[in-house]
N, C-alpha and C. Protein backbone atom coordinates (compact mmCIF):
# COMPACT_ATOMS: atom_id res chain seq x y z
N MET A 1 0.83 -1.18 0.00
CA MET A 1 0.00 0.00 0.00
C MET A 1 0.88 1.25 0.00
N ARG A 2 0.45 2.24 -0.78
CA ARG A 2 1.15 3.52 -0.78
C ARG A 2 0.38 4.48 0.11
N ARG A 3 1.06 5.45 0.68
CA ARG A 3 0.41 6.44 1.52
C ARG A 3 0.37 7.75 0.76
N ILE A 4 -0.78 8.36 0.74
CA ILE A 4 -0.95 9.66 0.12
C ILE A 4 -1.51 10.58 1.19
N ALA A 5 -0.72 11.52 1.61
CA ALA A 5 -1.13 12.49 2.64
C ALA A 5 -1.78 11.78 3.83
N GLY A 6 -1.16 10.70 4.28
CA GLY A 6 -1.64 10.00 5.46
C GLY A 6 -2.77 9.02 5.23
N LEU A 7 -3.21 8.86 3.98
CA LEU A 7 -4.28 7.93 3.67
C LEU A 7 -3.73 6.73 2.93
N CYS A 8 -4.29 5.56 3.17
CA CYS A 8 -3.89 4.38 2.42
C CYS A 8 -4.54 4.42 1.05
N SER A 9 -3.84 3.94 0.06
CA SER A 9 -4.43 3.86 -1.27
C SER A 9 -4.29 2.43 -1.78
N VAL A 10 -5.03 2.14 -2.83
CA VAL A 10 -4.95 0.81 -3.41
C VAL A 10 -3.68 0.70 -4.23
N ARG A 11 -3.25 -0.52 -4.46
CA ARG A 11 -2.13 -0.73 -5.36
C ARG A 11 -2.62 -0.45 -6.77
N CYS A 12 -1.84 0.30 -7.51
CA CYS A 12 -2.22 0.61 -8.88
C CYS A 12 -0.93 0.83 -9.67
N PRO A 13 -1.01 0.83 -10.99
CA PRO A 13 0.19 0.97 -11.79
C PRO A 13 0.79 2.37 -11.72
N TRP A 14 0.13 3.31 -11.08
CA TRP A 14 0.69 4.65 -10.99
C TRP A 14 1.72 4.70 -9.89
N ARG A 15 2.74 5.50 -10.08
CA ARG A 15 3.72 5.67 -9.02
C ARG A 15 3.16 6.57 -7.93
N VAL A 16 2.58 7.69 -8.31
CA VAL A 16 2.11 8.65 -7.33
C VAL A 16 0.93 9.41 -7.92
N LEU A 17 -0.02 9.73 -7.13
CA LEU A 17 -1.07 10.65 -7.52
C LEU A 17 -1.11 11.72 -6.45
N LEU A 18 -0.78 12.94 -6.80
CA LEU A 18 -0.72 14.01 -5.83
C LEU A 18 -1.54 15.20 -6.29
N PRO A 19 -2.28 15.82 -5.42
CA PRO A 19 -2.88 17.10 -5.77
C PRO A 19 -1.74 18.12 -5.87
N ARG A 20 -1.82 18.97 -6.88
CA ARG A 20 -0.78 19.99 -7.05
C ARG A 20 -1.32 21.31 -6.53
N SER A 21 -0.72 21.79 -5.46
CA SER A 21 -1.14 23.05 -4.89
C SER A 21 0.00 23.61 -4.07
N ARG A 22 0.14 24.93 -4.09
CA ARG A 22 1.15 25.58 -3.26
C ARG A 22 0.64 25.73 -1.83
N ASN A 23 -0.65 25.55 -1.62
CA ASN A 23 -1.27 25.68 -0.32
C ASN A 23 -1.46 24.28 0.26
N PRO A 24 -0.64 23.88 1.24
CA PRO A 24 -0.73 22.52 1.77
C PRO A 24 -2.11 22.16 2.31
N GLY A 25 -2.80 23.11 2.93
CA GLY A 25 -4.14 22.83 3.44
C GLY A 25 -5.10 22.49 2.33
N ARG A 26 -4.98 23.19 1.21
CA ARG A 26 -5.84 22.92 0.07
C ARG A 26 -5.55 21.54 -0.51
N ALA A 27 -4.26 21.17 -0.58
CA ALA A 27 -3.89 19.86 -1.10
C ALA A 27 -4.48 18.76 -0.23
N SER A 28 -4.39 18.92 1.07
CA SER A 28 -4.95 17.92 1.97
C SER A 28 -6.45 17.81 1.81
N ALA A 29 -7.11 18.95 1.63
CA ALA A 29 -8.55 18.94 1.45
C ALA A 29 -8.93 18.17 0.19
N LYS A 30 -8.15 18.32 -0.88
CA LYS A 30 -8.44 17.62 -2.14
C LYS A 30 -8.29 16.11 -1.93
N VAL A 31 -7.22 15.69 -1.27
CA VAL A 31 -7.02 14.26 -1.03
C VAL A 31 -8.13 13.74 -0.12
N HIS A 32 -8.48 14.52 0.90
CA HIS A 32 -9.54 14.09 1.82
C HIS A 32 -10.86 13.93 1.06
N SER A 33 -11.16 14.84 0.16
CA SER A 33 -12.41 14.73 -0.57
C SER A 33 -12.42 13.48 -1.44
N LEU A 34 -11.27 13.07 -1.95
CA LEU A 34 -11.20 11.83 -2.71
C LEU A 34 -11.44 10.63 -1.78
N ALA A 35 -10.83 10.66 -0.61
CA ALA A 35 -10.95 9.54 0.31
C ALA A 35 -12.37 9.43 0.86
N SER A 36 -13.04 10.55 1.06
CA SER A 36 -14.36 10.50 1.64
C SER A 36 -15.39 9.87 0.71
N ARG A 37 -15.06 9.76 -0.57
CA ARG A 37 -15.97 9.10 -1.51
C ARG A 37 -15.94 7.58 -1.36
N SER A 38 -14.97 7.10 -0.63
CA SER A 38 -14.82 5.67 -0.43
C SER A 38 -15.31 5.32 0.97
N THR A 39 -16.02 4.22 1.11
CA THR A 39 -16.58 3.86 2.40
C THR A 39 -15.52 3.37 3.37
N SER A 40 -14.40 2.85 2.88
CA SER A 40 -13.39 2.30 3.78
C SER A 40 -12.31 3.30 4.15
N GLY A 41 -12.35 4.51 3.59
CA GLY A 41 -11.29 5.48 3.86
C GLY A 41 -10.10 5.28 2.95
N LYS A 42 -10.15 4.26 2.11
CA LYS A 42 -9.07 4.01 1.16
C LYS A 42 -9.47 4.55 -0.20
N LEU A 43 -8.47 4.96 -0.95
CA LEU A 43 -8.73 5.46 -2.30
C LEU A 43 -8.84 4.27 -3.24
N SER A 44 -10.02 4.03 -3.75
CA SER A 44 -10.18 2.92 -4.68
C SER A 44 -9.64 3.33 -6.04
N GLU A 45 -9.31 2.35 -6.84
CA GLU A 45 -8.80 2.62 -8.18
C GLU A 45 -9.83 3.37 -9.01
N ASP A 46 -11.11 3.03 -8.86
CA ASP A 46 -12.18 3.73 -9.57
C ASP A 46 -12.26 5.19 -9.17
N THR A 47 -12.12 5.47 -7.86
CA THR A 47 -12.18 6.84 -7.36
C THR A 47 -11.04 7.67 -7.92
N VAL A 48 -9.86 7.10 -7.91
CA VAL A 48 -8.68 7.81 -8.40
C VAL A 48 -8.80 8.04 -9.91
N THR A 49 -9.22 7.01 -10.65
CA THR A 49 -9.38 7.15 -12.10
C THR A 49 -10.42 8.21 -12.41
N LYS A 50 -11.52 8.23 -11.66
CA LYS A 50 -12.57 9.23 -11.89
C LYS A 50 -12.03 10.62 -11.59
N ALA A 51 -11.23 10.78 -10.56
CA ALA A 51 -10.66 12.09 -10.22
C ALA A 51 -9.75 12.59 -11.34
N VAL A 52 -8.96 11.69 -11.90
CA VAL A 52 -8.08 12.07 -13.01
C VAL A 52 -8.91 12.44 -14.23
N ARG A 53 -9.91 11.63 -14.54
CA ARG A 53 -10.78 11.93 -15.69
C ARG A 53 -11.51 13.25 -15.50
N ASP A 54 -11.97 13.53 -14.28
CA ASP A 54 -12.62 14.82 -14.01
C ASP A 54 -11.65 15.98 -14.22
N ALA A 55 -10.39 15.79 -13.83
CA ALA A 55 -9.38 16.84 -14.01
C ALA A 55 -9.12 17.12 -15.49
N LEU A 56 -9.34 16.13 -16.35
CA LEU A 56 -9.12 16.29 -17.79
C LEU A 56 -10.34 16.81 -18.53
N GLU A 57 -11.49 16.78 -17.86
CA GLU A 57 -12.75 17.18 -18.48
C GLU A 57 -12.70 18.63 -18.95
N GLY A 58 -12.98 18.85 -20.24
CA GLY A 58 -13.06 20.19 -20.79
C GLY A 58 -11.73 20.90 -20.95
N VAL A 59 -10.63 20.19 -20.78
CA VAL A 59 -9.30 20.80 -20.86
C VAL A 59 -8.73 20.56 -22.25
N SER A 60 -8.08 21.58 -22.81
CA SER A 60 -7.50 21.41 -24.14
C SER A 60 -6.01 21.10 -24.09
N GLU A 61 -5.34 21.45 -22.99
CA GLU A 61 -3.93 21.09 -22.87
C GLU A 61 -3.60 20.72 -21.43
N ILE A 62 -2.58 19.89 -21.31
CA ILE A 62 -2.12 19.45 -20.00
C ILE A 62 -0.63 19.77 -19.89
N GLU A 63 -0.12 19.67 -18.70
CA GLU A 63 1.32 19.86 -18.51
C GLU A 63 1.98 18.48 -18.49
N LEU A 64 2.96 18.31 -19.35
CA LEU A 64 3.72 17.07 -19.44
C LEU A 64 5.09 17.31 -18.83
N THR A 65 5.50 16.44 -17.92
CA THR A 65 6.84 16.51 -17.33
C THR A 65 7.58 15.23 -17.66
N VAL A 66 8.74 15.40 -18.28
CA VAL A 66 9.59 14.26 -18.65
C VAL A 66 10.95 14.43 -17.99
N THR A 67 11.73 13.37 -17.98
CA THR A 67 13.09 13.41 -17.45
C THR A 67 14.07 13.58 -18.62
N GLY A 68 14.89 14.60 -18.55
CA GLY A 68 15.87 14.85 -19.61
C GLY A 68 16.83 13.69 -19.75
N ARG A 69 17.04 13.24 -20.97
CA ARG A 69 17.88 12.06 -21.18
C ARG A 69 19.35 12.34 -20.94
N ARG A 70 19.78 13.57 -21.05
CA ARG A 70 21.19 13.90 -20.79
C ARG A 70 21.39 14.46 -19.39
N THR A 71 20.49 15.36 -18.97
CA THR A 71 20.67 16.05 -17.69
C THR A 71 20.03 15.33 -16.52
N GLY A 72 18.98 14.55 -16.79
CA GLY A 72 18.24 13.91 -15.71
C GLY A 72 17.29 14.86 -15.00
N ARG A 73 17.21 16.11 -15.45
CA ARG A 73 16.31 17.10 -14.85
C ARG A 73 14.88 16.89 -15.32
N GLN A 74 13.94 17.35 -14.50
CA GLN A 74 12.54 17.32 -14.87
C GLN A 74 12.24 18.51 -15.78
N ILE A 75 11.66 18.23 -16.94
CA ILE A 75 11.36 19.26 -17.93
C ILE A 75 9.86 19.24 -18.19
N SER A 76 9.21 20.38 -18.02
CA SER A 76 7.75 20.47 -18.20
C SER A 76 7.41 21.35 -19.39
N ARG A 77 6.29 20.99 -20.03
CA ARG A 77 5.78 21.77 -21.15
C ARG A 77 4.31 21.48 -21.34
N PRO A 78 3.57 22.47 -21.83
CA PRO A 78 2.16 22.22 -22.12
C PRO A 78 2.02 21.44 -23.43
N VAL A 79 1.11 20.49 -23.46
CA VAL A 79 0.87 19.71 -24.68
C VAL A 79 -0.62 19.49 -24.87
N TRP A 80 -1.02 19.34 -26.13
CA TRP A 80 -2.38 18.95 -26.44
C TRP A 80 -2.52 17.46 -26.24
N PHE A 81 -3.73 17.00 -26.01
CA PHE A 81 -3.97 15.58 -25.80
C PHE A 81 -5.37 15.23 -26.26
N VAL A 82 -5.60 13.95 -26.46
CA VAL A 82 -6.94 13.42 -26.68
C VAL A 82 -7.11 12.23 -25.75
N GLN A 83 -8.35 11.95 -25.40
CA GLN A 83 -8.64 10.86 -24.48
C GLN A 83 -9.53 9.85 -25.17
N GLU A 84 -9.20 8.58 -25.00
CA GLU A 84 -10.03 7.49 -25.51
C GLU A 84 -10.01 6.38 -24.48
N ASP A 85 -11.18 6.01 -24.01
CA ASP A 85 -11.31 4.99 -22.98
C ASP A 85 -10.49 5.39 -21.75
N GLU A 86 -9.60 4.54 -21.32
CA GLU A 86 -8.80 4.80 -20.12
C GLU A 86 -7.37 5.23 -20.45
N SER A 87 -7.19 5.90 -21.59
CA SER A 87 -5.87 6.37 -21.99
C SER A 87 -5.97 7.78 -22.54
N ILE A 88 -4.88 8.51 -22.42
CA ILE A 88 -4.74 9.75 -23.15
C ILE A 88 -3.62 9.56 -24.16
N PHE A 89 -3.70 10.31 -25.25
CA PHE A 89 -2.72 10.19 -26.32
C PHE A 89 -2.12 11.56 -26.59
N LEU A 90 -0.82 11.57 -26.85
CA LEU A 90 -0.07 12.78 -27.14
C LEU A 90 0.58 12.62 -28.50
N VAL A 91 0.72 13.72 -29.22
CA VAL A 91 1.45 13.71 -30.49
C VAL A 91 2.53 14.78 -30.40
N PRO A 92 3.79 14.41 -30.55
CA PRO A 92 4.86 15.41 -30.53
C PRO A 92 4.77 16.32 -31.76
N ILE A 93 4.96 17.61 -31.57
CA ILE A 93 4.82 18.57 -32.67
C ILE A 93 5.75 18.23 -33.83
N THR A 94 6.99 17.91 -33.53
CA THR A 94 7.94 17.58 -34.61
C THR A 94 8.15 16.07 -34.73
N GLY A 95 7.14 15.32 -34.32
CA GLY A 95 7.20 13.87 -34.48
C GLY A 95 8.35 13.25 -33.71
N SER A 96 8.99 12.27 -34.31
CA SER A 96 10.07 11.54 -33.65
C SER A 96 11.31 12.39 -33.42
N ASP A 97 11.34 13.59 -33.99
CA ASP A 97 12.47 14.51 -33.76
C ASP A 97 12.27 15.36 -32.51
N SER A 98 11.09 15.31 -31.91
CA SER A 98 10.78 16.11 -30.73
C SER A 98 11.66 15.69 -29.55
N GLN A 99 12.17 16.69 -28.84
CA GLN A 99 13.04 16.40 -27.70
C GLN A 99 12.28 15.67 -26.58
N TRP A 100 11.04 16.09 -26.30
CA TRP A 100 10.33 15.41 -25.21
C TRP A 100 10.03 13.97 -25.60
N TYR A 101 9.79 13.69 -26.88
CA TYR A 101 9.54 12.32 -27.31
C TYR A 101 10.82 11.48 -27.14
N ARG A 102 11.94 12.04 -27.50
CA ARG A 102 13.21 11.33 -27.30
C ARG A 102 13.46 11.05 -25.82
N ASN A 103 13.10 12.00 -24.97
CA ASN A 103 13.25 11.80 -23.53
C ASN A 103 12.33 10.67 -23.04
N VAL A 104 11.12 10.61 -23.56
CA VAL A 104 10.18 9.55 -23.17
C VAL A 104 10.72 8.18 -23.60
N ARG A 105 11.32 8.12 -24.76
CA ARG A 105 11.90 6.84 -25.21
C ARG A 105 13.02 6.39 -24.28
N GLN A 106 13.79 7.34 -23.78
CA GLN A 106 14.90 7.03 -22.87
C GLN A 106 14.37 6.67 -21.47
N THR A 107 13.44 7.49 -20.95
CA THR A 107 12.86 7.29 -19.62
C THR A 107 11.35 7.41 -19.74
N PRO A 108 10.64 6.29 -19.81
CA PRO A 108 9.19 6.33 -20.06
C PRO A 108 8.34 6.83 -18.89
N MET A 109 8.89 6.99 -17.70
CA MET A 109 8.11 7.52 -16.58
C MET A 109 7.90 9.02 -16.79
N ILE A 110 6.64 9.43 -16.82
CA ILE A 110 6.29 10.83 -17.04
C ILE A 110 5.29 11.27 -15.99
N GLN A 111 5.00 12.55 -15.99
CA GLN A 111 3.92 13.07 -15.16
C GLN A 111 3.06 13.96 -16.03
N VAL A 112 1.76 13.81 -15.91
CA VAL A 112 0.82 14.70 -16.58
C VAL A 112 0.01 15.40 -15.50
N SER A 113 -0.25 16.71 -15.70
CA SER A 113 -0.95 17.51 -14.70
C SER A 113 -2.06 18.30 -15.36
N SER A 114 -3.16 18.44 -14.63
CA SER A 114 -4.29 19.23 -15.10
C SER A 114 -5.20 19.54 -13.93
N ASN A 115 -5.67 20.76 -13.86
CA ASN A 115 -6.66 21.16 -12.85
C ASN A 115 -6.29 20.73 -11.43
N GLY A 116 -5.05 20.89 -11.05
CA GLY A 116 -4.64 20.59 -9.69
C GLY A 116 -4.33 19.15 -9.39
N MET A 117 -4.44 18.26 -10.37
CA MET A 117 -4.11 16.86 -10.16
C MET A 117 -2.91 16.49 -11.02
N ALA A 118 -2.05 15.65 -10.49
CA ALA A 118 -0.88 15.18 -11.22
C ALA A 118 -0.85 13.66 -11.17
N LEU A 119 -0.52 13.06 -12.28
CA LEU A 119 -0.46 11.61 -12.38
C LEU A 119 0.90 11.21 -12.92
N SER A 120 1.63 10.42 -12.16
CA SER A 120 2.91 9.88 -12.63
C SER A 120 2.67 8.46 -13.09
N THR A 121 3.04 8.19 -14.31
CA THR A 121 2.79 6.89 -14.92
C THR A 121 3.79 6.68 -16.04
N SER A 122 3.72 5.57 -16.70
CA SER A 122 4.63 5.33 -17.82
C SER A 122 3.93 5.64 -19.13
N ALA A 123 4.72 6.07 -20.08
CA ALA A 123 4.23 6.39 -21.42
C ALA A 123 4.71 5.32 -22.39
N THR A 124 3.88 5.01 -23.37
CA THR A 124 4.23 4.01 -24.36
C THR A 124 4.27 4.65 -25.75
N PRO A 125 5.45 4.71 -26.36
CA PRO A 125 5.54 5.27 -27.72
C PRO A 125 4.76 4.40 -28.71
N ILE A 126 4.11 5.06 -29.66
CA ILE A 126 3.37 4.38 -30.73
C ILE A 126 4.05 4.73 -32.04
N THR A 127 4.49 3.69 -32.75
CA THR A 127 5.16 3.92 -34.04
C THR A 127 4.40 3.30 -35.21
N ASP A 128 3.43 2.45 -34.92
CA ASP A 128 2.63 1.82 -35.96
C ASP A 128 1.85 2.91 -36.70
N ALA A 129 2.00 2.99 -38.02
CA ALA A 129 1.42 4.06 -38.82
C ALA A 129 -0.11 4.13 -38.69
N ASP A 130 -0.78 2.99 -38.67
CA ASP A 130 -2.24 2.99 -38.56
C ASP A 130 -2.71 3.55 -37.21
N ARG A 131 -2.03 3.15 -36.15
CA ARG A 131 -2.39 3.66 -34.82
C ARG A 131 -2.10 5.15 -34.70
N VAL A 132 -0.95 5.58 -35.26
CA VAL A 132 -0.61 7.01 -35.23
C VAL A 132 -1.66 7.80 -36.01
N ASP A 133 -2.06 7.31 -37.18
CA ASP A 133 -3.09 7.98 -37.98
C ASP A 133 -4.40 8.10 -37.20
N HIS A 134 -4.76 7.05 -36.45
CA HIS A 134 -5.97 7.09 -35.64
C HIS A 134 -5.89 8.20 -34.58
N VAL A 135 -4.73 8.29 -33.91
CA VAL A 135 -4.53 9.32 -32.89
C VAL A 135 -4.59 10.71 -33.52
N VAL A 136 -3.93 10.88 -34.67
CA VAL A 136 -3.95 12.18 -35.36
C VAL A 136 -5.38 12.54 -35.79
N ASP A 137 -6.16 11.55 -36.22
CA ASP A 137 -7.56 11.80 -36.57
C ASP A 137 -8.35 12.28 -35.34
N MET A 138 -8.07 11.71 -34.17
CA MET A 138 -8.73 12.17 -32.95
C MET A 138 -8.32 13.61 -32.63
N PHE A 139 -7.05 13.94 -32.87
CA PHE A 139 -6.58 15.32 -32.68
C PHE A 139 -7.33 16.26 -33.62
N ARG A 140 -7.52 15.84 -34.87
CA ARG A 140 -8.24 16.67 -35.85
C ARG A 140 -9.68 16.91 -35.40
N GLU A 141 -10.32 15.88 -34.85
CA GLU A 141 -11.70 16.03 -34.36
C GLU A 141 -11.78 17.00 -33.19
N LYS A 142 -10.80 16.92 -32.27
CA LYS A 142 -10.85 17.75 -31.07
C LYS A 142 -10.42 19.19 -31.34
N TYR A 143 -9.33 19.37 -32.10
CA TYR A 143 -8.73 20.69 -32.26
C TYR A 143 -9.00 21.33 -33.62
N GLY A 144 -9.50 20.56 -34.58
CA GLY A 144 -9.73 21.07 -35.92
C GLY A 144 -8.58 20.69 -36.84
N ALA A 145 -8.93 20.25 -38.05
CA ALA A 145 -7.91 19.79 -39.00
C ALA A 145 -6.92 20.88 -39.34
N ASP A 146 -7.39 22.13 -39.49
CA ASP A 146 -6.49 23.23 -39.85
C ASP A 146 -5.46 23.49 -38.75
N GLN A 147 -5.90 23.43 -37.48
CA GLN A 147 -4.97 23.65 -36.36
C GLN A 147 -3.93 22.52 -36.26
N VAL A 148 -4.38 21.29 -36.45
CA VAL A 148 -3.45 20.15 -36.36
C VAL A 148 -2.43 20.24 -37.48
N GLU A 149 -2.87 20.54 -38.68
CA GLU A 149 -1.92 20.65 -39.80
C GLU A 149 -0.96 21.81 -39.60
N ALA A 150 -1.43 22.92 -39.01
CA ALA A 150 -0.58 24.09 -38.79
C ALA A 150 0.46 23.84 -37.69
N HIS A 151 0.08 23.10 -36.64
CA HIS A 151 0.97 22.92 -35.48
C HIS A 151 1.74 21.60 -35.49
N TYR A 152 1.30 20.64 -36.28
CA TYR A 152 1.92 19.31 -36.29
C TYR A 152 2.37 18.96 -37.71
N PRO A 153 3.51 19.50 -38.15
CA PRO A 153 3.95 19.24 -39.53
C PRO A 153 4.38 17.79 -39.76
N LYS A 154 4.81 17.12 -38.72
CA LYS A 154 5.28 15.74 -38.86
C LYS A 154 4.57 14.90 -37.81
N HIS A 155 3.81 13.91 -38.26
CA HIS A 155 3.15 13.04 -37.29
C HIS A 155 3.43 11.59 -37.64
N ASP A 156 4.66 11.18 -37.29
CA ASP A 156 5.09 9.80 -37.52
C ASP A 156 5.03 8.94 -36.26
N VAL A 157 4.81 9.58 -35.09
CA VAL A 157 4.75 8.85 -33.82
C VAL A 157 3.68 9.49 -32.94
N ALA A 158 3.27 8.75 -31.92
CA ALA A 158 2.37 9.26 -30.88
C ALA A 158 2.79 8.58 -29.58
N VAL A 159 2.16 9.00 -28.49
CA VAL A 159 2.46 8.42 -27.19
C VAL A 159 1.15 8.12 -26.48
N GLN A 160 1.05 6.93 -25.89
CA GLN A 160 -0.12 6.53 -25.14
C GLN A 160 0.22 6.58 -23.64
N VAL A 161 -0.68 7.18 -22.87
CA VAL A 161 -0.52 7.27 -21.43
C VAL A 161 -1.76 6.64 -20.79
N SER A 162 -1.57 5.56 -20.07
CA SER A 162 -2.71 4.87 -19.45
C SER A 162 -3.14 5.58 -18.19
N LEU A 163 -4.44 5.73 -18.03
CA LEU A 163 -5.00 6.31 -16.80
C LEU A 163 -5.35 5.24 -15.79
N MET A 164 -5.22 3.98 -16.13
CA MET A 164 -5.54 2.86 -15.24
C MET A 164 -4.32 2.42 -14.47
């Protein structure tokens, strides 16, 4: 069992789920509100997944934090995403030449943040052309074909991030 702000949580594939706040009292309140939804005082996997999905609701970009492959430093940047089932998908702007994509290939543990919630999990690069095309099509539906073509000149890879 992992401890989150003094509460027990279920075992899950995530390394850490933390509310992001500069105000410690507010962070504790957020974790407490998650725990109070569970009858046992433990954070169930469904509760945590729902909290992450709620944090992504109506959001057009999230903060992605990767580990630099040369420096080992944490590097953050805003990225667009799409969600399908229990995963979110990212497309690097310059495709496989993108620095954050290269960092993910070296160290697949990433953190995504939105609306005060942060999720540390592993990312899976997608290189299969059909799967990448599917992800890019989802980007076109969400952001508009003209915006995707203007901002994503090369789409030869994508990244899948599991929310489960």
